[in-house]
Amino acid sequence: MTKLAQTLGLTEFQTEIVATVRQFVDKEIIPSAQELEHADRYPQAIVDAMKDMGLFGLMIPEEYGGLGESLLTYALCVEELARGWMSVSGVINTHFIVAYMIRQHGTDEQKRHHLPRMATGESRGAFSMSEPELGSDVAAIRTRAKSNGDGTYTIDGQKMWLTNGGSSTLVAALVRTDEGADKPHRNLTAFLVEKPSGFGEVAPGLVIPGKLDKLGYKGIDTTELIFDGYQANATDILGEAPGQGFFQMMDGVEVGRVNVSARACGVGIRAFELAVRYAQQRSTFGKPIAEHQAIAFQLAEM
């Protein structure tokens, strides 16, 4: 590994994890990434292998069956995954956003119920904040959860851009509730919605219409989510305190931003690796191959 891709001060365990992921990427992801990308096919075999490696429990505390690793370790692993194929890093992004939100804001019962299954990859998380025509104005969301007065809620509305929408089994969905607060964002509540994976009406009143066609970011399933009279319980509210959803979601988004930043680094490192290989194979702009190699390796050692 070049200095370009090194981080100083890692523990032996962190170094071992990152090296294992890098070997996995070289062996299992890079050889099949182009085919999967062009076919827009979900990388099920890769995801299954990631589950076996324990990557879905990377940042989940050990008491819940995870590895209890740091955000730094997570970022380095994401960097390696994106080096192979950026879509794979998206498979774990929303999963860890949801796991982090439950870890930070969930009740003890919610942690005991969700985190052990998320650590093994048996339960997979998706994050639902956006809506059609909403843009970045999160406080203006229209999907609404109406209290029925008996500890249940009826949810109606349409959510958009769910990464892992079809393959996930747990969705953290931000909806509007009637809290009577003057500020709109204080009337938002995060619900933990359990569902089976798949498309169509996956639960009464809950529809995942199908994959959205995208110009890039292929393979991973990006979907809508439609609530049509979906029945939720008060215990499904993250932390069981309505009106806190905006703050909980914004906290989770910070983990997502780390993932996206690490992806950019991974893609950049792979591009640099290919540039070095290109310099080794041929001469361009009239310079000898050896000169290109020297320049490339000098940059790699910076």
C-alpha atoms as a PDB file:
ATOM      1  CA  MET A   1       0.000   0.000   0.000  1.00  0.00           C
ATOM      2  CA  THR A   2       1.386   3.430  -0.915  1.00  0.00           C
ATOM      3  CA  LYS A   3       1.722   6.298   1.518  1.00  0.00           C
ATOM      4  CA  LEU A   4      -1.181   7.914  -0.317  1.00  0.00           C
ATOM      5  CA  ALA A   5      -3.487   5.293   1.216  1.00  0.00           C
ATOM      6  CA  GLN A   6      -1.914   5.007   4.672  1.00  0.00           C
ATOM      7  CA  THR A   7      -3.123   6.337   8.006  1.00  0.00           C
ATOM      8  CA  LEU A   8      -0.631   6.704  10.840  1.00  0.00           C
ATOM      9  CA  GLY A   9      -1.252   5.496  14.381  1.00  0.00           C
ATOM     10  CA  LEU A  10      -3.590   2.584  13.647  1.00  0.00           C
ATOM     11  CA  THR A  11      -3.778  -0.310  16.079  1.00  0.00           C
ATOM     12  CA  GLU A  12      -2.766  -3.768  14.964  1.00  0.00           C
ATOM     13  CA  PHE A  13      -6.429  -4.780  14.884  1.00  0.00           C
ATOM     14  CA  GLN A  14      -7.405  -1.791  12.728  1.00  0.00           C
ATOM     15  CA  THR A  15      -4.554  -2.509  10.322  1.00  0.00           C
ATOM     16  CA  GLU A  16      -5.642  -6.136  10.084  1.00  0.00           C
ATOM     17  CA  ILE A  17      -9.273  -5.196   9.374  1.00  0.00           C
ATOM     18  CA  VAL A  18      -8.350  -2.728   6.637  1.00  0.00           C
ATOM     19  CA  ALA A  19      -5.892  -5.182   5.057  1.00  0.00           C
ATOM     20  CA  THR A  20      -8.564  -7.914   5.082  1.00  0.00           C
ATOM     21  CA  VAL A  21     -11.080  -5.632   3.389  1.00  0.00           C
ATOM     22  CA  ARG A  22      -8.489  -4.580   0.824  1.00  0.00           C
ATOM     23  CA  GLN A  23      -7.722  -8.203  -0.051  1.00  0.00           C
ATOM     24  CA  PHE A  24     -11.453  -8.909  -0.308  1.00  0.00           C
ATOM     25  CA  VAL A  25     -11.896  -5.951  -2.666  1.00  0.00           C
ATOM     26  CA  ASP A  26      -9.018  -7.047  -4.888  1.00  0.00           C
ATOM     27  CA  LYS A  27     -10.244 -10.637  -5.063  1.00  0.00           C
ATOM     28  CA  GLU A  28     -14.042 -10.364  -5.040  1.00  0.00           C
ATOM     29  CA  ILE A  29     -15.133  -6.852  -6.025  1.00  0.00           C
ATOM     30  CA  ILE A  30     -12.774  -5.431  -8.636  1.00  0.00           C
ATOM     31  CA  PRO A  31     -13.018  -8.457 -10.986  1.00  0.00           C
ATOM     32  CA  SER A  32     -16.848  -8.274 -11.090  1.00  0.00           C
ATOM     33  CA  ALA A  33     -17.571  -4.564 -10.562  1.00  0.00           C
ATOM     34  CA  GLN A  34     -17.745  -3.585 -14.228  1.00  0.00           C
ATOM     35  CA  GLU A  35     -20.124  -6.378 -15.130  1.00  0.00           C
ATOM     36  CA  LEU A  36     -22.400  -5.673 -12.150  1.00  0.00           C
ATOM     37  CA  GLU A  37     -22.382  -1.927 -12.842  1.00  0.00           C
ATOM     38  CA  HIS A  38     -23.297  -2.331 -16.500  1.00  0.00           C
ATOM     39  CA  ALA A  39     -26.007  -4.879 -15.720  1.00  0.00           C
ATOM     40  CA  ASP A  40     -27.344  -2.777 -12.822  1.00  0.00           C
ATOM     41  CA  ARG A  41     -27.422  -6.015 -10.841  1.00  0.00           C
ATOM     42  CA  TYR A  42     -27.517  -6.197  -7.055  1.00  0.00           C
ATOM     43  CA  PRO A  43     -24.217  -7.664  -5.753  1.00  0.00           C
ATOM     44  CA  GLN A  44     -25.782 -10.371  -3.603  1.00  0.00           C
ATOM     45  CA  ALA A  45     -22.696 -12.591  -3.438  1.00  0.00           C
ATOM     46  CA  ILE A  46     -20.556  -9.645  -2.354  1.00  0.00           C
ATOM     47  CA  VAL A  47     -23.088  -8.601   0.279  1.00  0.00           C
ATOM     48  CA  ASP A  48     -23.261 -12.158   1.638  1.00  0.00           C
ATOM     49  CA  ALA A  49     -19.468 -12.232   1.910  1.00  0.00           C
ATOM     50  CA  MET A  50     -19.499  -8.885   3.718  1.00  0.00           C
ATOM     51  CA  LYS A  51     -21.960 -10.347   6.216  1.00  0.00           C
ATOM     52  CA  ASP A  52     -19.670 -13.329   6.792  1.00  0.00           C
ATOM     53  CA  MET A  53     -16.755 -10.930   7.383  1.00  0.00           C
ATOM     54  CA  GLY A  54     -18.734  -9.082  10.065  1.00  0.00           C
ATOM     55  CA  LEU A  55     -18.667  -5.748   8.241  1.00  0.00           C
ATOM     56  CA  PHE A  56     -22.321  -5.010   9.022  1.00  0.00           C
ATOM     57  CA  GLY A  57     -21.415  -4.985  12.714  1.00  0.00           C
ATOM     58  CA  LEU A  58     -18.270  -2.914  12.361  1.00  0.00           C
ATOM     59  CA  MET A  59     -19.401   0.058  14.491  1.00  0.00           C
ATOM     60  CA  ILE A  60     -22.075  -1.690  16.541  1.00  0.00           C
ATOM     61  CA  PRO A  61     -20.990  -2.107  20.193  1.00  0.00           C
ATOM     62  CA  GLU A  62     -19.610  -5.471  21.258  1.00  0.00           C
ATOM     63  CA  GLU A  63     -22.375  -5.900  23.838  1.00  0.00           C
ATOM     64  CA  TYR A  64     -24.794  -6.193  20.902  1.00  0.00           C
ATOM     65  CA  GLY A  65     -22.615  -8.570  18.907  1.00  0.00           C
ATOM     66  CA  GLY A  66     -20.704  -6.040  16.823  1.00  0.00           C
ATOM     67  CA  LEU A  67     -17.008  -5.281  16.558  1.00  0.00           C
ATOM     68  CA  GLY A  68     -17.312  -1.953  18.398  1.00  0.00           C
ATOM     69  CA  GLU A  69     -14.873  -0.220  16.054  1.00  0.00           C
ATOM     70  CA  SER A  70     -14.431   3.519  15.603  1.00  0.00           C
ATOM     71  CA  LEU A  71     -15.675   5.870  12.909  1.00  0.00           C
ATOM     72  CA  LEU A  72     -12.091   6.037  11.634  1.00  0.00           C
ATOM     73  CA  THR A  73     -11.990   2.274  11.072  1.00  0.00           C
ATOM     74  CA  TYR A  74     -15.343   2.509   9.321  1.00  0.00           C
ATOM     75  CA  ALA A  75     -14.086   5.302   7.045  1.00  0.00           C
ATOM     76  CA  LEU A  76     -10.979   3.337   6.107  1.00  0.00           C
ATOM     77  CA  CYS A  77     -13.045   0.253   5.274  1.00  0.00           C
ATOM     78  CA  VAL A  78     -15.454   2.329   3.180  1.00  0.00           C
ATOM     79  CA  GLU A  79     -12.473   3.821   1.357  1.00  0.00           C
ATOM     80  CA  GLU A  80     -11.297   0.334   0.451  1.00  0.00           C
ATOM     81  CA  LEU A  81     -14.769  -0.813  -0.650  1.00  0.00           C
ATOM     82  CA  ALA A  82     -15.230   2.259  -2.857  1.00  0.00           C
ATOM     83  CA  ARG A  83     -11.805   1.615  -4.339  1.00  0.00           C
ATOM     84  CA  GLY A  84     -13.341  -1.529  -5.770  1.00  0.00           C
ATOM     85  CA  TRP A  85     -16.843  -0.292  -6.600  1.00  0.00           C
ATOM     86  CA  MET A  86     -18.570   2.713  -5.086  1.00  0.00           C
ATOM     87  CA  SER A  87     -22.003   1.077  -5.024  1.00  0.00           C
ATOM     88  CA  VAL A  88     -20.823  -1.496  -2.480  1.00  0.00           C
ATOM     89  CA  SER A  89     -19.983   1.268  -0.015  1.00  0.00           C
ATOM     90  CA  GLY A  90     -23.582   2.453  -0.352  1.00  0.00           C
ATOM     91  CA  VAL A  91     -24.861  -0.939   0.772  1.00  0.00           C
ATOM     92  CA  ILE A  92     -23.482  -0.334   4.260  1.00  0.00           C
ATOM     93  CA  ASN A  93     -24.003   3.449   4.426  1.00  0.00           C
ATOM     94  CA  THR A  94     -27.675   3.666   5.363  1.00  0.00           C
ATOM     95  CA  HIS A  95     -27.306   0.511   7.455  1.00  0.00           C
ATOM     96  CA  PHE A  96     -24.792   2.260   9.684  1.00  0.00           C
ATOM     97  CA  ILE A  97     -26.746   5.509   9.758  1.00  0.00           C
ATOM     98  CA  VAL A  98     -29.726   3.618  11.199  1.00  0.00           C
ATOM     99  CA  ALA A  99     -27.588   1.539  13.573  1.00  0.00           C
ATOM    100  CA  TYR A 100     -25.873   4.703  14.810  1.00  0.00           C
ATOM    101  CA  MET A 101     -29.215   6.451  15.373  1.00  0.00           C
ATOM    102  CA  ILE A 102     -30.517   3.513  17.388  1.00  0.00           C
ATOM    103  CA  ARG A 103     -27.275   3.329  19.366  1.00  0.00           C
ATOM    104  CA  GLN A 104     -27.348   7.045  20.170  1.00  0.00           C
ATOM    105  CA  HIS A 105     -31.065   7.711  20.550  1.00  0.00           C
ATOM    106  CA  GLY A 106     -32.914   4.417  20.895  1.00  0.00           C
ATOM    107  CA  THR A 107     -34.444   3.005  24.031  1.00  0.00           C
ATOM    108  CA  ASP A 108     -32.781   0.050  25.743  1.00  0.00           C
ATOM    109  CA  GLU A 109     -35.454  -2.212  24.298  1.00  0.00           C
ATOM    110  CA  GLN A 110     -34.923  -0.852  20.765  1.00  0.00           C
ATOM    111  CA  LYS A 111     -31.178  -1.421  21.090  1.00  0.00           C
ATOM    112  CA  ARG A 112     -31.661  -4.999  22.339  1.00  0.00           C
ATOM    113  CA  HIS A 113     -34.181  -5.749  19.617  1.00  0.00           C
ATOM    114  CA  HIS A 114     -32.464  -4.248  16.575  1.00  0.00           C
ATOM    115  CA  LEU A 115     -28.709  -3.993  17.075  1.00  0.00           C
ATOM    116  CA  PRO A 116     -27.794  -7.704  17.475  1.00  0.00           C
ATOM    117  CA  ARG A 117     -29.562  -8.562  14.215  1.00  0.00           C
ATOM    118  CA  MET A 118     -28.055  -5.549  12.484  1.00  0.00           C
ATOM    119  CA  ALA A 119     -24.596  -6.597  13.658  1.00  0.00           C
ATOM    120  CA  THR A 120     -24.875  -9.930  11.827  1.00  0.00           C
ATOM    121  CA  GLY A 121     -26.489  -8.393   8.739  1.00  0.00           C
ATOM    122  CA  GLU A 122     -29.677 -10.380   9.343  1.00  0.00           C
ATOM    123  CA  SER A 123     -31.451  -7.031   9.628  1.00  0.00           C
ATOM    124  CA  ARG A 124     -30.434  -4.337   7.159  1.00  0.00           C
ATOM    125  CA  GLY A 125     -31.127  -0.634   7.581  1.00  0.00           C
ATOM    126  CA  ALA A 126     -32.434   2.033   5.204  1.00  0.00           C
ATOM    127  CA  PHE A 127     -32.737   5.757   5.882  1.00  0.00           C
ATOM    128  CA  SER A 128     -35.788   7.703   4.674  1.00  0.00           C
ATOM    129  CA  MET A 129     -35.863  11.477   4.889  1.00  0.00           C
ATOM    130  CA  SER A 130     -36.429  12.890   1.369  1.00  0.00           C
ATOM    131  CA  GLU A 131     -39.741  13.243  -0.424  1.00  0.00           C
ATOM    132  CA  PRO A 132     -40.738  14.049  -4.022  1.00  0.00           C
ATOM    133  CA  GLU A 133     -40.398  17.761  -4.898  1.00  0.00           C
ATOM    134  CA  LEU A 134     -39.012  18.452  -1.458  1.00  0.00           C
ATOM    135  CA  GLY A 135     -35.377  19.235  -2.193  1.00  0.00           C
ATOM    136  CA  SER A 136     -33.273  19.858   0.902  1.00  0.00           C
ATOM    137  CA  ASP A 137     -36.061  21.502   2.932  1.00  0.00           C
ATOM    138  CA  VAL A 138     -36.454  18.639   5.389  1.00  0.00           C
ATOM    139  CA  ALA A 139     -38.716  20.647   7.699  1.00  0.00           C
ATOM    140  CA  ALA A 140     -41.297  20.835   4.886  1.00  0.00           C
ATOM    141  CA  ILE A 141     -41.965  17.096   4.606  1.00  0.00           C
ATOM    142  CA  ARG A 142     -45.604  16.144   4.123  1.00  0.00           C
ATOM    143  CA  THR A 143     -45.746  12.468   5.092  1.00  0.00           C
ATOM    144  CA  ARG A 144     -47.831  12.449   8.248  1.00  0.00           C
ATOM    145  CA  ALA A 145     -48.331  10.118  11.195  1.00  0.00           C
ATOM    146  CA  LYS A 146     -51.684  10.717  12.861  1.00  0.00           C
ATOM    147  CA  SER A 147     -52.141   9.553  16.434  1.00  0.00           C
ATOM    148  CA  ASN A 148     -55.169   7.297  16.889  1.00  0.00           C
ATOM    149  CA  GLY A 149     -55.319   7.959  20.631  1.00  0.00           C
ATOM    150  CA  ASP A 150     -54.705   4.323  21.558  1.00  0.00           C
ATOM    151  CA  GLY A 151     -50.929   4.166  21.264  1.00  0.00           C
ATOM    152  CA  THR A 152     -50.990   3.610  17.507  1.00  0.00           C
ATOM    153  CA  TYR A 153     -50.372   5.888  14.533  1.00  0.00           C
ATOM    154  CA  THR A 154     -51.646   5.887  10.959  1.00  0.00           C
ATOM    155  CA  ILE A 155     -48.993   6.975   8.458  1.00  0.00           C
ATOM    156  CA  ASP A 156     -49.754   8.302   4.973  1.00  0.00           C
ATOM    157  CA  GLY A 157     -47.420   9.828   2.415  1.00  0.00           C
ATOM    158  CA  GLN A 158     -44.629   9.208  -0.065  1.00  0.00           C
ATOM    159  CA  LYS A 159     -40.900   9.046   0.633  1.00  0.00           C
ATOM    160  CA  MET A 160     -38.158   9.151  -1.990  1.00  0.00           C
ATOM    161  CA  TRP A 161     -34.557   8.066  -2.682  1.00  0.00           C
ATOM    162  CA  LEU A 162     -34.296   5.179  -0.220  1.00  0.00           C
ATOM    163  CA  THR A 163     -30.906   3.568  -0.706  1.00  0.00           C
ATOM    164  CA  ASN A 164     -31.371  -0.154   0.003  1.00  0.00           C
ATOM    165  CA  GLY A 165     -35.119   0.417  -0.057  1.00  0.00           C
ATOM    166  CA  GLY A 166     -35.892  -3.053  -1.399  1.00  0.00           C
ATOM    167  CA  SER A 167     -33.142  -5.057   0.287  1.00  0.00           C
ATOM    168  CA  SER A 168     -33.545  -3.503   3.738  1.00  0.00           C
ATOM    169  CA  THR A 169     -35.669  -4.905   6.552  1.00  0.00           C
ATOM    170  CA  LEU A 170     -35.645  -1.826   8.800  1.00  0.00           C
ATOM    171  CA  VAL A 171     -36.348   1.750   7.704  1.00  0.00           C
ATOM    172  CA  ALA A 172     -35.812   4.841   9.831  1.00  0.00           C
ATOM    173  CA  ALA A 173     -38.464   7.141   8.352  1.00  0.00           C
ATOM    174  CA  LEU A 174     -38.912  10.820   9.180  1.00  0.00           C
ATOM    175  CA  VAL A 175     -42.566  11.908   9.215  1.00  0.00           C
ATOM    176  CA  ARG A 176     -44.663  14.769  10.517  1.00  0.00           C
ATOM    177  CA  THR A 177     -46.605  14.439  13.769  1.00  0.00           C
ATOM    178  CA  ASP A 178     -48.912  16.916  15.478  1.00  0.00           C
ATOM    179  CA  GLU A 179     -46.767  18.152  18.354  1.00  0.00           C
ATOM    180  CA  GLY A 180     -48.111  21.720  18.295  1.00  0.00           C
ATOM    181  CA  ALA A 181     -44.627  23.231  18.119  1.00  0.00           C
ATOM    182  CA  ASP A 182     -44.144  26.643  16.532  1.00  0.00           C
ATOM    183  CA  LYS A 183     -41.044  25.558  14.625  1.00  0.00           C
ATOM    184  CA  PRO A 184     -41.806  23.015  11.865  1.00  0.00           C
ATOM    185  CA  HIS A 185     -38.752  20.844  12.519  1.00  0.00           C
ATOM    186  CA  ARG A 186     -39.949  20.241  16.093  1.00  0.00           C
ATOM    187  CA  ASN A 187     -43.016  18.489  14.703  1.00  0.00           C
ATOM    188  CA  LEU A 188     -40.986  15.745  13.011  1.00  0.00           C
ATOM    189  CA  THR A 189     -40.686  12.212  14.378  1.00  0.00           C
ATOM    190  CA  ALA A 190     -38.512   9.260  13.363  1.00  0.00           C
ATOM    191  CA  PHE A 191     -40.280   5.894  13.153  1.00  0.00           C
ATOM    192  CA  LEU A 192     -38.479   2.546  12.999  1.00  0.00           C
ATOM    193  CA  VAL A 193     -40.405   0.612  10.365  1.00  0.00           C
ATOM    194  CA  GLU A 194     -39.750  -3.135  10.172  1.00  0.00           C
ATOM    195  CA  LYS A 195     -40.581  -4.859   6.899  1.00  0.00           C
ATOM    196  CA  PRO A 196     -39.570  -7.840   4.783  1.00  0.00           C
ATOM    197  CA  SER A 197     -37.188  -7.270   1.890  1.00  0.00           C
ATOM    198  CA  GLY A 198     -38.586  -7.114  -1.619  1.00  0.00           C
ATOM    199  CA  PHE A 199     -40.848  -4.968  -3.784  1.00  0.00           C
ATOM    200  CA  GLY A 200     -44.568  -4.325  -3.994  1.00  0.00           C
ATOM    201  CA  GLU A 201     -46.816  -4.209  -0.920  1.00  0.00           C
ATOM    202  CA  VAL A 202     -44.315  -5.631   1.553  1.00  0.00           C
ATOM    203  CA  ALA A 203     -46.606  -5.003   4.559  1.00  0.00           C
ATOM    204  CA  PRO A 204     -50.184  -3.779   4.969  1.00  0.00           C
ATOM    205  CA  GLY A 205     -50.173  -0.127   3.938  1.00  0.00           C
ATOM    206  CA  LEU A 206     -46.472  -0.142   2.985  1.00  0.00           C
ATOM    207  CA  VAL A 207     -45.387  -0.263  -0.672  1.00  0.00           C
ATOM    208  CA  ILE A 208     -41.905  -0.344  -2.247  1.00  0.00           C
ATOM    209  CA  PRO A 209     -42.825   0.227  -5.923  1.00  0.00           C
ATOM    210  CA  GLY A 210     -39.516  -0.879  -7.470  1.00  0.00           C
ATOM    211  CA  LYS A 211     -36.002   0.268  -8.288  1.00  0.00           C
ATOM    212  CA  LEU A 212     -35.512   3.793  -9.609  1.00  0.00           C
ATOM    213  CA  ASP A 213     -33.489   4.024 -12.810  1.00  0.00           C
ATOM    214  CA  LYS A 214     -30.366   6.150 -12.300  1.00  0.00           C
ATOM    215  CA  LEU A 215     -27.618   7.383 -14.598  1.00  0.00           C
ATOM    216  CA  GLY A 216     -24.959   6.117 -12.182  1.00  0.00           C
ATOM    217  CA  TYR A 217     -24.670   4.453  -8.786  1.00  0.00           C
ATOM    218  CA  LYS A 218     -25.877   1.207 -10.337  1.00  0.00           C
ATOM    219  CA  GLY A 219     -26.432  -2.163  -8.702  1.00  0.00           C
ATOM    220  CA  ILE A 220     -27.670  -0.784  -5.408  1.00  0.00           C
ATOM    221  CA  ASP A 221     -31.463  -0.538  -5.077  1.00  0.00           C
ATOM    222  CA  THR A 222     -32.773   3.015  -4.763  1.00  0.00           C
ATOM    223  CA  THR A 223     -36.535   3.200  -4.290  1.00  0.00           C
ATOM    224  CA  GLU A 224     -39.611   5.102  -3.245  1.00  0.00           C
ATOM    225  CA  LEU A 225     -41.591   4.168  -0.136  1.00  0.00           C
ATOM    226  CA  ILE A 226     -45.342   4.738  -0.006  1.00  0.00           C
ATOM    227  CA  PHE A 227     -47.316   4.789   3.238  1.00  0.00           C
ATOM    228  CA  ASP A 228     -51.036   4.222   2.676  1.00  0.00           C
ATOM    229  CA  GLY A 229     -52.758   3.789   6.003  1.00  0.00           C
ATOM    230  CA  TYR A 230     -49.745   2.034   7.506  1.00  0.00           C
ATOM    231  CA  GLN A 231     -50.256   1.248  11.202  1.00  0.00           C
ATOM    232  CA  ALA A 232     -47.356   1.927  13.570  1.00  0.00           C
ATOM    233  CA  ASN A 233     -47.057   1.757  17.336  1.00  0.00           C
ATOM    234  CA  ALA A 234     -45.778   4.410  19.717  1.00  0.00           C
ATOM    235  CA  THR A 235     -42.967   1.972  20.581  1.00  0.00           C
ATOM    236  CA  ASP A 236     -41.805   2.254  16.947  1.00  0.00           C
ATOM    237  CA  ILE A 237     -40.840   5.885  17.544  1.00  0.00           C
ATOM    238  CA  LEU A 238     -37.077   6.165  17.870  1.00  0.00           C
ATOM    239  CA  GLY A 239     -36.454   6.856  21.548  1.00  0.00           C
ATOM    240  CA  GLU A 240     -40.265   6.812  22.078  1.00  0.00           C
ATOM    241  CA  ALA A 241     -40.238  10.653  22.227  1.00  0.00           C
ATOM    242  CA  PRO A 242     -42.116  12.238  19.300  1.00  0.00           C
ATOM    243  CA  GLY A 243     -40.896  15.547  17.927  1.00  0.00           C
ATOM    244  CA  GLN A 244     -37.199  14.604  18.120  1.00  0.00           C
ATOM    245  CA  GLY A 245     -36.862  13.131  14.646  1.00  0.00           C
ATOM    246  CA  PHE A 246     -35.178  16.093  12.969  1.00  0.00           C
ATOM    247  CA  PHE A 247     -32.333  16.163  15.478  1.00  0.00           C
ATOM    248  CA  GLN A 248     -31.940  12.369  15.386  1.00  0.00           C
ATOM    249  CA  MET A 249     -31.821  12.316  11.590  1.00  0.00           C
ATOM    250  CA  MET A 250     -29.306  15.156  11.390  1.00  0.00           C
ATOM    251  CA  ASP A 251     -27.089  13.262  13.824  1.00  0.00           C
ATOM    252  CA  GLY A 252     -27.301  10.189  11.612  1.00  0.00           C
ATOM    253  CA  VAL A 253     -26.539  12.202   8.482  1.00  0.00           C
ATOM    254  CA  GLU A 254     -23.106  13.013   9.922  1.00  0.00           C
ATOM    255  CA  VAL A 255     -22.188   9.318   9.706  1.00  0.00           C
ATOM    256  CA  GLY A 256     -23.432   9.297   6.122  1.00  0.00           C
ATOM    257  CA  ARG A 257     -21.211  12.239   5.263  1.00  0.00           C
ATOM    258  CA  VAL A 258     -18.170  10.351   6.539  1.00  0.00           C
ATOM    259  CA  ASN A 259     -19.131   7.474   4.256  1.00  0.00           C
ATOM    260  CA  VAL A 260     -19.504   9.727   1.215  1.00  0.00           C
ATOM    261  CA  SER A 261     -16.188  11.451   1.893  1.00  0.00           C
ATOM    262  CA  ALA A 262     -14.430   8.104   2.265  1.00  0.00           C
ATOM    263  CA  ARG A 263     -15.990   6.951  -1.004  1.00  0.00           C
ATOM    264  CA  ALA A 264     -14.445   9.920  -2.803  1.00  0.00           C
ATOM    265  CA  CYS A 265     -11.033   9.012  -1.395  1.00  0.00           C
ATOM    266  CA  GLY A 266     -11.433   5.375  -2.430  1.00  0.00           C
ATOM    267  CA  VAL A 267     -12.456   6.258  -5.983  1.00  0.00           C
ATOM    268  CA  GLY A 268      -9.540   8.696  -6.200  1.00  0.00           C
ATOM    269  CA  ILE A 269      -7.051   6.095  -4.969  1.00  0.00           C
ATOM    270  CA  ARG A 270      -8.288   3.585  -7.531  1.00  0.00           C
ATOM    271  CA  ALA A 271      -7.984   6.181 -10.287  1.00  0.00           C
ATOM    272  CA  PHE A 272      -4.415   6.840  -9.187  1.00  0.00           C
ATOM    273  CA  GLU A 273      -3.621   3.122  -9.163  1.00  0.00           C
ATOM    274  CA  LEU A 274      -4.882   2.819 -12.724  1.00  0.00           C
ATOM    275  CA  ALA A 275      -2.836   5.857 -13.755  1.00  0.00           C
ATOM    276  CA  VAL A 276       0.289   4.206 -12.364  1.00  0.00           C
ATOM    277  CA  ARG A 277      -0.535   1.028 -14.268  1.00  0.00           C
ATOM    278  CA  TYR A 278      -1.072   3.016 -17.436  1.00  0.00           C
ATOM    279  CA  ALA A 279       2.307   4.693 -16.972  1.00  0.00           C
ATOM    280  CA  GLN A 280       3.904   1.271 -16.579  1.00  0.00           C
ATOM    281  CA  GLN A 281       2.393  -0.051 -19.779  1.00  0.00           C
ATOM    282  CA  ARG A 282       2.902   2.678 -22.323  1.00  0.00           C
ATOM    283  CA  SER A 283       4.433   6.026 -23.146  1.00  0.00           C
ATOM    284  CA  THR A 284       2.348   9.161 -23.640  1.00  0.00           C
ATOM    285  CA  PHE A 285       3.161  12.678 -24.801  1.00  0.00           C
ATOM    286  CA  GLY A 286       6.487  11.453 -26.110  1.00  0.00           C
ATOM    287  CA  LYS A 287       7.958  10.646 -22.672  1.00  0.00           C
ATOM    288  CA  PRO A 288       9.598   7.291 -22.034  1.00  0.00           C
ATOM    289  CA  ILE A 289       7.753   4.761 -19.900  1.00  0.00           C
ATOM    290  CA  ALA A 290      10.463   4.909 -17.259  1.00  0.00           C
ATOM    291  CA  GLU A 291       9.925   8.637 -16.819  1.00  0.00           C
ATOM    292  CA  HIS A 292       6.178   8.148 -16.310  1.00  0.00           C
ATOM    293  CA  GLN A 293       6.880   5.435 -13.766  1.00  0.00           C
ATOM    294  CA  ALA A 294       9.262   7.670 -11.863  1.00  0.00           C
ATOM    295  CA  ILE A 295       6.716  10.506 -11.723  1.00  0.00           C
ATOM    296  CA  ALA A 296       3.911   8.183 -10.656  1.00  0.00           C
ATOM    297  CA  PHE A 297       5.882   6.503  -7.905  1.00  0.00           C
ATOM    298  CA  GLN A 298       7.179   9.842  -6.609  1.00  0.00           C
ATOM    299  CA  LEU A 299       3.578  11.008  -6.257  1.00  0.00           C
ATOM    300  CA  ALA A 300       2.596   7.734  -4.570  1.00  0.00           C
ATOM    301  CA  GLU A 301       5.285   8.251  -1.941  1.00  0.00           C
ATOM    302  CA  MET A 302       4.184  11.809  -1.093  1.00  0.00           C
END
